[in-house]
Amino acid sequence: MSAIFEVWDTETAHQVGTFASPDEAVAVLRDVLGVNGPEVAREMLVLKYSAPGARPVTYLEGAAFVAETLGATVAEAASNRGAHGASSVRE
């Protein structure tokens, strides 16, 4: 059996869903971030079950996901500004 991934809202202690792949679970966090913002996304948690009856392990914490995602977005924006700025500068 393949691993199973669960997404939880730790603020409400409700399971959001069960997914067959980590990409599907992370997509839920991405949607939560886009729709509800970083405050809500930080409260999410992805658990991984490697086999039926196995204890879950934390696959991804919402706070880490938000920091990584928003950090990448900020870095990309800064990089794009730098690239555009450099191309418009004449010496």
C-alpha atoms as a PDB file:
ATOM      1  CA  MET A   1       0.000   0.000   0.000  1.00  0.00           C
ATOM      2  CA  SER A   2       1.132   3.513  -0.771  1.00  0.00           C
ATOM      3  CA  ALA A   3       1.336   6.250   1.782  1.00  0.00           C
ATOM      4  CA  ILE A   4      -1.758   8.269   2.643  1.00  0.00           C
ATOM      5  CA  PHE A   5      -1.678  11.978   3.437  1.00  0.00           C
ATOM      6  CA  GLU A   6      -4.150  13.793   5.667  1.00  0.00           C
ATOM      7  CA  VAL A   7      -4.620  17.543   5.902  1.00  0.00           C
ATOM      8  CA  TRP A   8      -5.723  18.892   9.276  1.00  0.00           C
ATOM      9  CA  ASP A   9      -6.760  22.293  10.549  1.00  0.00           C
ATOM     10  CA  THR A  10      -5.025  22.404  13.929  1.00  0.00           C
ATOM     11  CA  GLU A  11      -7.013  25.443  15.065  1.00  0.00           C
ATOM     12  CA  THR A  12     -10.331  23.591  14.823  1.00  0.00           C
ATOM     13  CA  ALA A  13      -8.967  20.018  15.115  1.00  0.00           C
ATOM     14  CA  HIS A  14     -10.866  19.053  11.959  1.00  0.00           C
ATOM     15  CA  GLN A  15      -9.581  16.816   9.221  1.00  0.00           C
ATOM     16  CA  VAL A  16      -9.821  18.598   5.885  1.00  0.00           C
ATOM     17  CA  GLY A  17      -9.230  15.557   3.693  1.00  0.00           C
ATOM     18  CA  THR A  18      -7.294  12.404   2.850  1.00  0.00           C
ATOM     19  CA  PHE A  19      -5.115  12.246  -0.246  1.00  0.00           C
ATOM     20  CA  ALA A  20      -3.145   9.645  -2.165  1.00  0.00           C
ATOM     21  CA  SER A  21      -0.184  11.923  -2.897  1.00  0.00           C
ATOM     22  CA  PRO A  22       1.724  14.666  -1.142  1.00  0.00           C
ATOM     23  CA  ASP A  23       1.142  16.946  -4.139  1.00  0.00           C
ATOM     24  CA  GLU A  24      -2.624  16.733  -3.625  1.00  0.00           C
ATOM     25  CA  ALA A  25      -2.263  17.537   0.073  1.00  0.00           C
ATOM     26  CA  VAL A  26       0.060  20.466  -0.573  1.00  0.00           C
ATOM     27  CA  ALA A  27      -2.377  21.776  -3.197  1.00  0.00           C
ATOM     28  CA  VAL A  28      -4.960  22.082  -0.418  1.00  0.00           C
ATOM     29  CA  LEU A  29      -2.551  24.212   1.627  1.00  0.00           C
ATOM     30  CA  ARG A  30      -1.884  26.334  -1.444  1.00  0.00           C
ATOM     31  CA  ASP A  31      -5.645  26.846  -1.904  1.00  0.00           C
ATOM     32  CA  VAL A  32      -6.117  27.709   1.774  1.00  0.00           C
ATOM     33  CA  LEU A  33      -3.284  30.242   1.546  1.00  0.00           C
ATOM     34  CA  GLY A  34      -4.777  31.833  -1.569  1.00  0.00           C
ATOM     35  CA  VAL A  35      -8.355  31.963  -0.310  1.00  0.00           C
ATOM     36  CA  ASN A  36      -8.007  32.440   3.446  1.00  0.00           C
ATOM     37  CA  GLY A  37      -4.571  34.006   3.799  1.00  0.00           C
ATOM     38  CA  PRO A  38      -1.433  33.128   5.716  1.00  0.00           C
ATOM     39  CA  GLU A  39      -3.011  33.257   9.178  1.00  0.00           C
ATOM     40  CA  VAL A  40      -5.297  30.321   8.382  1.00  0.00           C
ATOM     41  CA  ALA A  41      -2.729  28.427   6.288  1.00  0.00           C
ATOM     42  CA  ARG A  42      -0.247  28.517   9.183  1.00  0.00           C
ATOM     43  CA  GLU A  43      -2.705  26.426  11.211  1.00  0.00           C
ATOM     44  CA  MET A  44      -2.739  23.583   8.669  1.00  0.00           C
ATOM     45  CA  LEU A  45      -0.828  20.323   9.022  1.00  0.00           C
ATOM     46  CA  VAL A  46      -0.133  17.466   6.618  1.00  0.00           C
ATOM     47  CA  LEU A  47       0.318  14.024   8.181  1.00  0.00           C
ATOM     48  CA  LYS A  48       1.733  11.000   6.388  1.00  0.00           C
ATOM     49  CA  TYR A  49       0.661   7.418   7.112  1.00  0.00           C
ATOM     50  CA  SER A  50       3.116   4.947   5.601  1.00  0.00           C
ATOM     51  CA  ALA A  51       0.853   1.901   6.157  1.00  0.00           C
ATOM     52  CA  PRO A  52      -2.565   1.036   7.583  1.00  0.00           C
ATOM     53  CA  GLY A  53      -2.460   1.256  11.365  1.00  0.00           C
ATOM     54  CA  ALA A  54       0.917   3.026  11.322  1.00  0.00           C
ATOM     55  CA  ARG A  55       1.484   6.061  13.457  1.00  0.00           C
ATOM     56  CA  PRO A  56       1.383   9.253  11.409  1.00  0.00           C
ATOM     57  CA  VAL A  57       4.407  11.463  10.971  1.00  0.00           C
ATOM     58  CA  THR A  58       4.320  15.164  10.247  1.00  0.00           C
ATOM     59  CA  TYR A  59       4.951  15.636   6.557  1.00  0.00           C
ATOM     60  CA  LEU A  60       4.501  19.427   6.411  1.00  0.00           C
ATOM     61  CA  GLU A  61       3.547  22.108   8.926  1.00  0.00           C
ATOM     62  CA  GLY A  62       1.483  25.025   7.707  1.00  0.00           C
ATOM     63  CA  ALA A  63       3.803  27.632   9.210  1.00  0.00           C
ATOM     64  CA  ALA A  64       6.778  26.216   7.300  1.00  0.00           C
ATOM     65  CA  PHE A  65       4.716  26.028   4.104  1.00  0.00           C
ATOM     66  CA  VAL A  66       3.636  29.675   4.428  1.00  0.00           C
ATOM     67  CA  ALA A  67       7.163  30.879   5.187  1.00  0.00           C
ATOM     68  CA  GLU A  68       8.613  28.957   2.255  1.00  0.00           C
ATOM     69  CA  THR A  69       5.858  29.956  -0.161  1.00  0.00           C
ATOM     70  CA  LEU A  70       5.711  33.630   0.763  1.00  0.00           C
ATOM     71  CA  GLY A  71       9.490  33.821   1.039  1.00  0.00           C
ATOM     72  CA  ALA A  72       9.807  32.463  -2.484  1.00  0.00           C
ATOM     73  CA  THR A  73       7.200  34.940  -3.719  1.00  0.00           C
ATOM     74  CA  VAL A  74       9.010  37.874  -2.128  1.00  0.00           C
ATOM     75  CA  ALA A  75      12.369  36.681  -3.473  1.00  0.00           C
ATOM     76  CA  GLU A  76      10.902  36.256  -6.970  1.00  0.00           C
ATOM     77  CA  ALA A  77       9.403  39.744  -6.865  1.00  0.00           C
ATOM     78  CA  ALA A  78      12.707  41.245  -5.736  1.00  0.00           C
ATOM     79  CA  SER A  79      14.555  39.296  -8.408  1.00  0.00           C
ATOM     80  CA  ASN A  80      12.135  40.455 -11.089  1.00  0.00           C
ATOM     81  CA  ARG A  81      12.461  44.085  -9.962  1.00  0.00           C
ATOM     82  CA  GLY A  82      16.230  43.745 -10.037  1.00  0.00           C
ATOM     83  CA  ALA A  83      16.184  42.160 -13.464  1.00  0.00           C
ATOM     84  CA  HIS A  84      13.880  44.822 -14.840  1.00  0.00           C
ATOM     85  CA  GLY A  85      15.821  47.584 -13.172  1.00  0.00           C
ATOM     86  CA  ALA A  86      19.125  46.294 -14.518  1.00  0.00           C
ATOM     87  CA  SER A  87      17.790  46.088 -18.045  1.00  0.00           C
ATOM     88  CA  SER A  88      16.583  49.686 -18.005  1.00  0.00           C
ATOM     89  CA  VAL A  89      19.801  51.192 -16.619  1.00  0.00           C
ATOM     90  CA  ARG A  90      22.073  52.745 -19.222  1.00  0.00           C
ATOM     91  CA  GLU A  91      25.708  53.360 -18.595  1.00  0.00           C
END
